[in-house]
Amino acid sequence: MTFWIILAVLVIGWLVYRRLQMRNLNISPEELSERLRKVPKPILLDVRTQQEYNSGHIHNARNLPVQQLRRKLNSMDKYKRNEVVVYCQTGNRSAAVARLLNRMDFDVKHLKGGIVAYNRYQNSSE
């Protein structure tokens, strides 16, 4: 009985930790828009497929599809000293990438809601 209680506490603790970790990594479309007006600008990393990227992306974003990420992680080292903002369509794929880059000591942020939320914000602020 005690084993199951300890296991449950550990699992709940791990889930809470993961949620807090993502909260610290998240950046809103408004915050990103502000940071893109300042110098130095963050490195934008679009982790959608090439086809999705070609259909529209944030200006100056680099495309590195999630499917190619593991093979090209070494090429990412040159961005370690920069703030990197990762995004995808709605935020699901990029959240996993942000966690991975965070564990690798990147200064990384995750665009909450992805490019959908960013475009919605841009359209509403015009």
N, C-alpha and C. Protein backbone atom coordinates (compact mmCIF):
# COMPACT_ATOMS: atom_id res chain seq x y z
N MET A 1 0.83 -1.20 0.00
CA MET A 1 0.00 0.00 0.00
C MET A 1 0.87 1.26 0.00
N THR A 2 1.88 1.30 0.86
CA THR A 2 2.77 2.45 0.94
C THR A 2 3.49 2.67 -0.39
N PHE A 3 3.89 1.58 -1.05
CA PHE A 3 4.55 1.68 -2.35
C PHE A 3 3.68 2.43 -3.34
N TRP A 4 2.41 2.12 -3.42
CA TRP A 4 1.51 2.76 -4.38
C TRP A 4 1.29 4.24 -4.06
N ILE A 5 1.26 4.56 -2.80
CA ILE A 5 1.12 5.97 -2.41
C ILE A 5 2.36 6.75 -2.83
N ILE A 6 3.53 6.19 -2.55
CA ILE A 6 4.78 6.85 -2.94
C ILE A 6 4.85 7.00 -4.46
N LEU A 7 4.48 5.95 -5.17
CA LEU A 7 4.49 5.99 -6.63
C LEU A 7 3.53 7.06 -7.15
N ALA A 8 2.34 7.14 -6.58
CA ALA A 8 1.37 8.15 -7.00
C ALA A 8 1.90 9.56 -6.74
N VAL A 9 2.52 9.78 -5.59
CA VAL A 9 3.08 11.08 -5.26
C VAL A 9 4.19 11.44 -6.25
N LEU A 10 5.04 10.48 -6.58
CA LEU A 10 6.11 10.74 -7.54
C LEU A 10 5.57 11.08 -8.92
N VAL A 11 4.58 10.35 -9.38
CA VAL A 11 3.99 10.60 -10.69
C VAL A 11 3.33 11.98 -10.71
N ILE A 12 2.58 12.31 -9.70
CA ILE A 12 1.93 13.63 -9.63
C ILE A 12 2.98 14.72 -9.57
N GLY A 13 4.02 14.52 -8.79
CA GLY A 13 5.11 15.50 -8.70
C GLY A 13 5.78 15.71 -10.05
N TRP A 14 6.02 14.64 -10.78
CA TRP A 14 6.63 14.73 -12.10
C TRP A 14 5.73 15.49 -13.06
N LEU A 15 4.44 15.23 -13.03
CA LEU A 15 3.50 15.93 -13.91
C LEU A 15 3.44 17.41 -13.60
N VAL A 16 3.43 17.76 -12.32
CA VAL A 16 3.42 19.17 -11.92
C VAL A 16 4.71 19.84 -12.36
N TYR A 17 5.83 19.17 -12.19
CA TYR A 17 7.13 19.72 -12.62
C TYR A 17 7.13 19.99 -14.12
N ARG A 18 6.64 19.04 -14.92
CA ARG A 18 6.60 19.22 -16.38
C ARG A 18 5.73 20.41 -16.77
N ARG A 19 4.60 20.56 -16.10
CA ARG A 19 3.69 21.67 -16.41
C ARG A 19 4.35 23.01 -16.05
N LEU A 20 5.02 23.07 -14.91
CA LEU A 20 5.72 24.30 -14.51
C LEU A 20 6.88 24.61 -15.45
N GLN A 21 7.57 23.57 -15.88
CA GLN A 21 8.68 23.75 -16.81
C GLN A 21 8.19 24.37 -18.11
N MET A 22 7.07 23.90 -18.66
CA MET A 22 6.54 24.46 -19.90
C MET A 22 6.05 25.87 -19.68
N ARG A 23 5.48 26.16 -18.53
CA ARG A 23 5.00 27.51 -18.26
C ARG A 23 6.16 28.50 -18.33
N ASN A 24 7.33 28.10 -17.83
CA ASN A 24 8.50 28.97 -17.88
C ASN A 24 9.05 29.12 -19.30
N LEU A 25 8.79 28.16 -20.16
CA LEU A 25 9.30 28.22 -21.53
C LEU A 25 8.35 28.95 -22.47
N ASN A 26 7.10 29.07 -22.10
CA ASN A 26 6.11 29.66 -23.00
C ASN A 26 6.32 31.15 -23.22
N ILE A 27 6.02 31.59 -24.44
CA ILE A 27 6.01 33.00 -24.78
C ILE A 27 4.72 33.24 -25.56
N SER A 28 4.04 34.32 -25.27
CA SER A 28 2.78 34.62 -25.95
C SER A 28 3.07 35.29 -27.29
N PRO A 29 2.09 35.29 -28.19
CA PRO A 29 2.27 36.01 -29.45
C PRO A 29 2.58 37.49 -29.23
N GLU A 30 1.97 38.09 -28.22
CA GLU A 30 2.23 39.50 -27.91
C GLU A 30 3.70 39.71 -27.51
N GLU A 31 4.20 38.83 -26.63
CA GLU A 31 5.59 38.95 -26.18
C GLU A 31 6.56 38.75 -27.35
N LEU A 32 6.25 37.78 -28.22
CA LEU A 32 7.11 37.54 -29.37
C LEU A 32 7.13 38.76 -30.29
N SER A 33 5.98 39.32 -30.53
CA SER A 33 5.89 40.49 -31.39
C SER A 33 6.76 41.63 -30.85
N GLU A 34 6.73 41.83 -29.53
CA GLU A 34 7.56 42.85 -28.89
C GLU A 34 9.05 42.55 -29.05
N ARG A 35 9.43 41.30 -28.82
CA ARG A 35 10.84 40.92 -28.91
C ARG A 35 11.37 41.04 -30.34
N LEU A 36 10.50 40.83 -31.33
CA LEU A 36 10.94 40.94 -32.71
C LEU A 36 11.20 42.39 -33.13
N ARG A 37 10.74 43.33 -32.32
CA ARG A 37 10.99 44.75 -32.60
C ARG A 37 12.28 45.23 -31.94
N LYS A 38 12.89 44.41 -31.12
CA LYS A 38 14.10 44.79 -30.39
C LYS A 38 15.33 44.13 -31.00
N VAL A 39 16.48 44.60 -30.56
CA VAL A 39 17.75 44.02 -30.99
C VAL A 39 18.46 43.54 -29.73
N PRO A 40 19.00 42.36 -29.70
CA PRO A 40 19.00 41.38 -30.79
C PRO A 40 17.66 40.65 -30.87
N LYS A 41 17.29 40.29 -32.06
CA LYS A 41 16.05 39.54 -32.27
C LYS A 41 16.30 38.06 -31.95
N PRO A 42 15.27 37.38 -31.47
CA PRO A 42 15.46 35.95 -31.22
C PRO A 42 15.56 35.19 -32.55
N ILE A 43 16.19 34.04 -32.49
CA ILE A 43 16.22 33.12 -33.63
C ILE A 43 14.87 32.43 -33.66
N LEU A 44 14.18 32.48 -34.79
CA LEU A 44 12.88 31.82 -34.92
C LEU A 44 13.08 30.47 -35.59
N LEU A 45 12.59 29.42 -34.96
CA LEU A 45 12.74 28.07 -35.47
C LEU A 45 11.36 27.47 -35.71
N ASP A 46 11.01 27.30 -36.97
CA ASP A 46 9.73 26.72 -37.38
C ASP A 46 9.95 25.23 -37.55
N VAL A 47 9.29 24.42 -36.73
CA VAL A 47 9.53 22.97 -36.76
C VAL A 47 8.45 22.21 -37.54
N ARG A 48 7.69 22.94 -38.35
CA ARG A 48 6.68 22.29 -39.19
C ARG A 48 7.35 21.69 -40.43
N THR A 49 6.59 20.96 -41.20
CA THR A 49 7.13 20.38 -42.43
C THR A 49 7.47 21.48 -43.42
N GLN A 50 8.28 21.14 -44.40
CA GLN A 50 8.65 22.11 -45.44
C GLN A 50 7.40 22.66 -46.15
N GLN A 51 6.44 21.79 -46.40
CA GLN A 51 5.20 22.21 -47.07
C GLN A 51 4.43 23.21 -46.21
N GLU A 52 4.32 22.95 -44.91
CA GLU A 52 3.64 23.88 -44.01
C GLU A 52 4.39 25.21 -43.96
N TYR A 53 5.70 25.14 -43.87
CA TYR A 53 6.53 26.34 -43.83
C TYR A 53 6.33 27.17 -45.10
N ASN A 54 6.32 26.51 -46.25
CA ASN A 54 6.14 27.20 -47.53
C ASN A 54 4.77 27.86 -47.65
N SER A 55 3.79 27.36 -46.91
CA SER A 55 2.44 27.94 -46.99
C SER A 55 2.33 29.21 -46.16
N GLY A 56 3.35 29.56 -45.41
CA GLY A 56 3.36 30.79 -44.61
C GLY A 56 4.11 30.58 -43.31
N HIS A 57 4.99 31.54 -42.99
CA HIS A 57 5.79 31.45 -41.78
C HIS A 57 6.08 32.86 -41.28
N ILE A 58 6.59 32.95 -40.06
CA ILE A 58 6.97 34.23 -39.49
C ILE A 58 8.25 34.70 -40.20
N HIS A 59 8.28 35.97 -40.54
CA HIS A 59 9.41 36.55 -41.27
C HIS A 59 10.75 36.20 -40.61
N ASN A 60 11.70 35.77 -41.39
CA ASN A 60 13.06 35.40 -40.97
C ASN A 60 13.15 34.11 -40.17
N ALA A 61 12.08 33.33 -40.14
CA ALA A 61 12.13 32.05 -39.42
C ALA A 61 12.94 31.03 -40.23
N ARG A 62 13.65 30.19 -39.52
CA ARG A 62 14.37 29.09 -40.14
C ARG A 62 13.50 27.85 -40.01
N ASN A 63 13.50 27.03 -41.05
CA ASN A 63 12.69 25.82 -41.04
C ASN A 63 13.56 24.62 -40.70
N LEU A 64 13.18 23.91 -39.64
CA LEU A 64 13.82 22.66 -39.26
C LEU A 64 12.73 21.70 -38.80
N PRO A 65 12.17 20.93 -39.75
CA PRO A 65 11.07 20.03 -39.39
C PRO A 65 11.44 19.07 -38.25
N VAL A 66 10.49 18.81 -37.40
CA VAL A 66 10.68 17.92 -36.26
C VAL A 66 11.30 16.60 -36.71
N GLN A 67 10.85 16.09 -37.85
CA GLN A 67 11.34 14.81 -38.35
C GLN A 67 12.84 14.83 -38.64
N GLN A 68 13.43 15.99 -38.89
CA GLN A 68 14.85 16.10 -39.19
C GLN A 68 15.68 16.59 -38.00
N LEU A 69 15.02 16.93 -36.93
CA LEU A 69 15.68 17.58 -35.80
C LEU A 69 16.82 16.75 -35.22
N ARG A 70 16.60 15.50 -34.94
CA ARG A 70 17.63 14.66 -34.32
C ARG A 70 18.90 14.60 -35.18
N ARG A 71 18.72 14.52 -36.51
CA ARG A 71 19.87 14.45 -37.42
C ARG A 71 20.64 15.76 -37.46
N LYS A 72 19.96 16.89 -37.22
CA LYS A 72 20.58 18.20 -37.40
C LYS A 72 20.84 18.95 -36.10
N LEU A 73 20.76 18.27 -34.97
CA LEU A 73 20.98 18.93 -33.68
C LEU A 73 22.37 19.56 -33.58
N ASN A 74 23.37 18.91 -34.16
CA ASN A 74 24.73 19.48 -34.10
C ASN A 74 24.80 20.84 -34.77
N SER A 75 24.02 21.04 -35.83
CA SER A 75 24.05 22.33 -36.53
C SER A 75 23.38 23.42 -35.69
N MET A 76 22.68 23.05 -34.66
CA MET A 76 21.99 24.01 -33.79
C MET A 76 22.93 24.64 -32.77
N ASP A 77 24.08 24.04 -32.53
CA ASP A 77 25.00 24.55 -31.50
C ASP A 77 25.35 26.01 -31.70
N LYS A 78 25.41 26.47 -32.94
CA LYS A 78 25.78 27.87 -33.19
C LYS A 78 24.75 28.86 -32.65
N TYR A 79 23.55 28.37 -32.31
CA TYR A 79 22.50 29.24 -31.78
C TYR A 79 22.41 29.21 -30.25
N LYS A 80 23.30 28.48 -29.59
CA LYS A 80 23.20 28.32 -28.14
C LYS A 80 23.30 29.63 -27.38
N ARG A 81 23.99 30.61 -27.92
CA ARG A 81 24.15 31.88 -27.20
C ARG A 81 23.03 32.85 -27.51
N ASN A 82 22.11 32.47 -28.40
CA ASN A 82 20.98 33.32 -28.76
C ASN A 82 19.70 32.81 -28.14
N GLU A 83 18.75 33.71 -27.99
CA GLU A 83 17.41 33.25 -27.60
C GLU A 83 16.78 32.61 -28.83
N VAL A 84 16.23 31.43 -28.66
CA VAL A 84 15.59 30.70 -29.74
C VAL A 84 14.11 30.56 -29.41
N VAL A 85 13.25 30.95 -30.34
CA VAL A 85 11.80 30.78 -30.17
C VAL A 85 11.36 29.72 -31.15
N VAL A 86 10.80 28.65 -30.62
CA VAL A 86 10.36 27.51 -31.42
C VAL A 86 8.84 27.58 -31.59
N TYR A 87 8.39 27.32 -32.83
CA TYR A 87 6.94 27.28 -33.05
C TYR A 87 6.58 26.26 -34.11
N CYS A 88 5.31 25.87 -34.10
CA CYS A 88 4.75 24.99 -35.11
C CYS A 88 3.37 25.54 -35.44
N GLN A 89 2.47 24.70 -35.87
CA GLN A 89 1.13 25.17 -36.25
C GLN A 89 0.32 25.63 -35.04
N THR A 90 0.19 24.74 -34.05
CA THR A 90 -0.64 25.06 -32.88
C THR A 90 0.10 24.95 -31.54
N GLY A 91 1.33 24.52 -31.57
CA GLY A 91 2.12 24.47 -30.34
C GLY A 91 2.41 23.09 -29.81
N ASN A 92 1.86 22.05 -30.40
CA ASN A 92 2.08 20.71 -29.88
C ASN A 92 3.48 20.18 -30.20
N ARG A 93 3.88 20.21 -31.45
CA ARG A 93 5.20 19.72 -31.83
C ARG A 93 6.30 20.58 -31.24
N SER A 94 6.11 21.88 -31.28
CA SER A 94 7.17 22.78 -30.81
C SER A 94 7.37 22.70 -29.29
N ALA A 95 6.36 22.33 -28.55
CA ALA A 95 6.52 22.18 -27.10
C ALA A 95 7.54 21.09 -26.79
N ALA A 96 7.46 19.98 -27.51
CA ALA A 96 8.42 18.89 -27.30
C ALA A 96 9.83 19.32 -27.69
N VAL A 97 9.94 20.06 -28.79
CA VAL A 97 11.25 20.55 -29.23
C VAL A 97 11.82 21.54 -28.21
N ALA A 98 10.98 22.41 -27.69
CA ALA A 98 11.44 23.39 -26.70
C ALA A 98 11.97 22.68 -25.45
N ARG A 99 11.27 21.65 -25.00
CA ARG A 99 11.74 20.89 -23.83
C ARG A 99 13.10 20.26 -24.12
N LEU A 100 13.25 19.68 -25.32
CA LEU A 100 14.51 19.05 -25.70
C LEU A 100 15.65 20.07 -25.72
N LEU A 101 15.43 21.20 -26.37
CA LEU A 101 16.46 22.22 -26.45
C LEU A 101 16.77 22.81 -25.07
N ASN A 102 15.78 22.93 -24.23
CA ASN A 102 15.98 23.41 -22.86
C ASN A 102 16.90 22.46 -22.10
N ARG A 103 16.68 21.17 -22.25
CA ARG A 103 17.55 20.18 -21.59
C ARG A 103 18.97 20.25 -22.12
N MET A 104 19.14 20.76 -23.35
CA MET A 104 20.47 20.88 -23.97
C MET A 104 21.08 22.26 -23.70
N ASP A 105 20.50 23.00 -22.76
CA ASP A 105 21.01 24.30 -22.31
C ASP A 105 20.88 25.42 -23.33
N PHE A 106 19.87 25.35 -24.19
CA PHE A 106 19.56 26.46 -25.07
C PHE A 106 18.71 27.47 -24.31
N ASP A 107 18.83 28.73 -24.67
CA ASP A 107 17.94 29.77 -24.17
C ASP A 107 16.73 29.72 -25.08
N VAL A 108 15.76 28.90 -24.74
CA VAL A 108 14.65 28.60 -25.65
C VAL A 108 13.32 29.04 -25.07
N LYS A 109 12.45 29.47 -25.97
CA LYS A 109 11.07 29.79 -25.64
C LYS A 109 10.17 29.07 -26.64
N HIS A 110 8.97 28.81 -26.22
CA HIS A 110 7.98 28.11 -27.03
C HIS A 110 6.81 29.05 -27.29
N LEU A 111 6.48 29.28 -28.57
CA LEU A 111 5.37 30.15 -28.91
C LEU A 111 4.06 29.44 -28.60
N LYS A 112 3.42 29.88 -27.54
CA LYS A 112 2.18 29.25 -27.10
C LYS A 112 1.09 29.48 -28.15
N GLY A 113 0.48 28.39 -28.60
CA GLY A 113 -0.58 28.47 -29.61
C GLY A 113 -0.07 28.44 -31.04
N GLY A 114 1.26 28.45 -31.20
CA GLY A 114 1.86 28.32 -32.52
C GLY A 114 1.58 29.49 -33.45
N ILE A 115 1.81 29.24 -34.72
CA ILE A 115 1.63 30.30 -35.72
C ILE A 115 0.17 30.68 -35.86
N VAL A 116 -0.74 29.77 -35.53
CA VAL A 116 -2.16 30.10 -35.57
C VAL A 116 -2.46 31.25 -34.60
N ALA A 117 -1.97 31.13 -33.37
CA ALA A 117 -2.19 32.19 -32.38
C ALA A 117 -1.44 33.46 -32.77
N TYR A 118 -0.23 33.31 -33.30
CA TYR A 118 0.55 34.48 -33.70
C TYR A 118 -0.16 35.25 -34.82
N ASN A 119 -0.64 34.54 -35.83
CA ASN A 119 -1.35 35.20 -36.94
C ASN A 119 -2.64 35.85 -36.45
N ARG A 120 -3.34 35.19 -35.55
CA ARG A 120 -4.56 35.76 -34.99
C ARG A 120 -4.25 37.06 -34.26
N TYR A 121 -3.17 37.07 -33.49
CA TYR A 121 -2.77 38.29 -32.78
C TYR A 121 -2.38 39.39 -33.77
N GLN A 122 -1.60 39.05 -34.77
CA GLN A 122 -1.17 40.03 -35.77
C GLN A 122 -2.37 40.66 -36.49
N ASN A 123 -3.34 39.83 -36.85
CA ASN A 123 -4.54 40.32 -37.54
C ASN A 123 -5.40 41.20 -36.65
N SER A 124 -5.43 40.91 -35.35
CA SER A 124 -6.26 41.70 -34.43
C SER A 124 -5.60 43.02 -34.06
N SER A 125 -4.28 43.11 -34.20
CA SER A 125 -3.59 44.33 -33.79
C SER A 125 -3.37 45.30 -34.96
N GLU A 126 -3.84 44.94 -36.13
CA GLU A 126 -3.68 45.83 -37.30
C GLU A 126 -4.75 46.88 -37.33
